[in-house]
């Protein structure tokens, strides 16, 4: 069965949720957000899940969602930054990497947004993680969209040329 899902991948703060939600509206699709679904399941923030159950547990939950997403159709999915490590990502749908430089992403996030991202607390570790993930994002992506200095509307117009 052909999957028509669109999965947004990229580092923390690149706008995966914003883009997935906007494209879902534009294309009349279902919007799903892996982090929000995990938070809703446990009634805890990502930070609390990391603190109480650990990153390994969180990654297990991401894999369960990935397995579920394979069964979905007609969705725009915002994934977490580490979602690229799930098995069978390519079976979920078209992967769109929202690419930007680390410094650009850092400037996009205010203190509250950084506080929601446990892997961004230590900027040196966050930059190291960013550098480790760049090639993975590029290799897993079906489409790479450079987001720097572009409005959401510009990015949506670019995406609509690629997806239907």
Protein backbone atom coordinates (compact mmCIF):
# COMPACT_ATOMS: atom_id res chain seq x y z
CA UNK A 1 0.00 0.00 0.00
CA UNK A 2 1.37 3.41 -0.99
CA UNK A 3 1.87 5.79 1.94
CA UNK A 4 1.03 9.41 1.26
CA UNK A 5 2.19 10.73 4.62
CA UNK A 6 4.60 13.64 4.88
CA UNK A 7 7.10 13.50 7.75
CA UNK A 8 9.02 16.58 8.80
CA UNK A 9 12.49 15.89 10.18
CA UNK A 10 15.19 18.21 11.44
CA UNK A 11 16.92 19.55 14.50
CA UNK A 12 15.16 21.11 17.47
CA UNK A 13 13.68 24.49 16.68
CA UNK A 14 13.60 24.20 12.89
CA UNK A 15 9.81 24.51 12.76
CA UNK A 16 8.67 20.94 12.14
CA UNK A 17 5.43 21.36 14.11
CA UNK A 18 4.62 24.73 12.58
CA UNK A 19 5.27 23.50 9.04
CA UNK A 20 3.42 20.20 9.47
CA UNK A 21 0.38 21.95 10.94
CA UNK A 22 0.31 24.62 8.21
CA UNK A 23 0.78 22.10 5.38
CA UNK A 24 -1.91 19.85 6.87
CA UNK A 25 -4.35 22.77 6.73
CA UNK A 26 -3.30 23.72 3.20
CA UNK A 27 -3.61 20.16 1.87
CA UNK A 28 -6.55 19.10 4.04
CA UNK A 29 -4.60 16.36 5.83
CA UNK A 30 -4.47 15.10 9.39
CA UNK A 31 -1.82 16.78 11.58
CA UNK A 32 0.13 14.57 13.99
CA UNK A 33 3.02 15.56 16.27
CA UNK A 34 5.10 12.77 17.78
CA UNK A 35 6.24 14.78 20.81
CA UNK A 36 2.72 16.01 21.59
CA UNK A 37 1.34 12.49 21.31
CA UNK A 38 3.95 11.14 23.75
CA UNK A 39 3.30 14.02 26.16
CA UNK A 40 -0.46 13.37 25.97
CA UNK A 41 -0.04 9.64 26.53
CA UNK A 42 1.87 10.13 29.78
CA UNK A 43 0.37 13.51 30.76
CA UNK A 44 3.93 14.78 31.19
CA UNK A 45 6.19 17.16 29.33
CA UNK A 46 9.12 15.79 27.35
CA UNK A 47 11.37 17.17 30.12
CA UNK A 48 9.46 15.24 32.78
CA UNK A 49 9.57 12.05 30.73
CA UNK A 50 13.34 12.43 30.28
CA UNK A 51 13.77 13.13 34.01
CA UNK A 52 11.45 10.40 35.30
CA UNK A 53 11.91 7.62 32.76
CA UNK A 54 15.03 8.53 30.78
CA UNK A 55 15.87 9.13 27.15
CA UNK A 56 15.90 5.42 26.29
CA UNK A 57 12.25 5.10 27.38
CA UNK A 58 11.35 8.17 25.32
CA UNK A 59 13.03 6.68 22.23
CA UNK A 60 11.04 3.45 22.73
CA UNK A 61 7.86 5.53 22.67
CA UNK A 62 9.00 7.21 19.45
CA UNK A 63 9.48 3.79 17.87
CA UNK A 64 5.96 2.75 18.89
CA UNK A 65 4.65 5.89 17.21
CA UNK A 66 6.73 5.23 14.09
CA UNK A 67 5.19 1.76 13.88
CA UNK A 68 1.75 3.35 14.17
CA UNK A 69 2.51 6.09 11.61
CA UNK A 70 3.26 3.39 9.01
CA UNK A 71 -0.43 2.46 9.23
CA UNK A 72 -1.61 6.05 8.76
CA UNK A 73 -2.55 7.79 5.53
CA UNK A 74 -3.01 11.39 4.44
CA UNK A 75 -1.10 12.92 7.36
CA UNK A 76 1.48 15.63 7.95
CA UNK A 77 3.68 14.48 10.81
CA UNK A 78 5.93 16.64 12.96
CA UNK A 79 8.62 14.43 14.42
CA UNK A 80 10.99 15.04 17.29
CA UNK A 81 14.61 15.88 16.49
CA UNK A 82 15.81 12.33 17.22
CA UNK A 83 12.96 10.61 15.39
CA UNK A 84 15.34 9.96 12.48
CA UNK A 85 16.74 7.03 14.44
CA UNK A 86 13.50 5.02 14.37
CA UNK A 87 13.42 1.86 12.28
CA UNK A 88 11.47 2.04 9.05
CA UNK A 89 11.23 5.83 8.80
CA UNK A 90 11.15 5.46 5.01
CA UNK A 91 7.98 3.35 5.27
CA UNK A 92 6.02 6.14 6.96
CA UNK A 93 6.05 8.50 4.01
CA UNK A 94 7.91 11.33 2.30
CA UNK A 95 10.57 12.78 4.64
CA UNK A 96 11.20 16.50 4.44
CA UNK A 97 14.30 17.82 6.19
CA UNK A 98 13.98 21.41 7.38
CA UNK A 99 17.63 22.46 7.19
CA UNK A 100 19.23 25.41 8.96
CA UNK A 101 22.53 26.31 10.58
CA UNK A 102 22.84 25.71 14.34
CA UNK A 103 23.27 29.41 15.13
CA UNK A 104 20.14 30.27 13.16
CA UNK A 105 18.15 27.65 15.08
CA UNK A 106 19.50 28.86 18.42
CA UNK A 107 18.37 32.42 17.65
CA UNK A 108 14.84 31.18 16.84
CA UNK A 109 14.37 29.71 20.33
CA UNK A 110 13.52 31.82 23.35
CA UNK A 111 14.26 30.66 26.92
CA UNK A 112 10.87 28.97 27.31
CA UNK A 113 11.31 27.04 24.06
CA UNK A 114 14.82 25.94 25.06
CA UNK A 115 13.45 24.86 28.46
CA UNK A 116 11.07 22.44 26.67
CA UNK A 117 13.97 20.72 24.94
CA UNK A 118 16.05 18.70 27.42
CA UNK A 119 18.80 18.01 24.88
CA UNK A 120 19.26 21.75 24.27
CA UNK A 121 20.01 22.75 27.90
CA UNK A 122 23.77 22.51 27.38
CA UNK A 123 24.60 24.48 24.22
CA UNK A 124 27.94 22.73 23.68
CA UNK A 125 26.28 19.31 23.83
CA UNK A 126 23.42 20.55 21.65
CA UNK A 127 25.85 21.74 18.96
CA UNK A 128 27.70 18.41 19.10
CA UNK A 129 24.39 16.57 18.70
CA UNK A 130 23.45 18.86 15.81
CA UNK A 131 26.72 18.06 14.06
CA UNK A 132 26.21 14.33 14.61
CA UNK A 133 22.71 14.45 13.14
CA UNK A 134 23.27 16.62 10.03
CA UNK A 135 24.35 13.78 7.76
CA UNK A 136 21.65 11.48 9.11
CA UNK A 137 18.97 14.07 8.31
CA UNK A 138 20.40 14.54 4.82
CA UNK A 139 20.61 10.79 4.19
CA UNK A 140 17.09 10.07 5.45
CA UNK A 141 15.44 13.00 3.65
CA UNK A 142 13.54 12.65 0.41
CA UNK A 143 13.39 16.44 0.19
CA UNK A 144 15.72 19.01 1.77
CA UNK A 145 14.19 22.43 2.39
CA UNK A 146 16.50 25.27 3.42
CA UNK A 147 14.48 27.35 5.87
CA UNK A 148 16.78 30.21 6.82
CA UNK A 149 15.35 33.69 6.29
CA UNK A 150 12.16 32.40 4.65
CA UNK A 151 8.62 32.94 5.82
CA UNK A 152 6.30 30.03 6.51
CA UNK A 153 4.25 31.01 3.46
CA UNK A 154 7.36 30.94 1.23
CA UNK A 155 8.28 27.51 2.55
CA UNK A 156 4.75 26.19 2.05
CA UNK A 157 4.78 27.43 -1.57
CA UNK A 158 8.09 25.59 -2.12
CA UNK A 159 6.68 22.42 -0.55
CA UNK A 160 3.49 22.49 -2.59
CA UNK A 161 5.63 22.19 -5.73
CA UNK A 162 6.96 18.89 -4.38
CA UNK A 163 3.91 17.37 -2.65
CA UNK A 164 0.24 17.21 -3.52
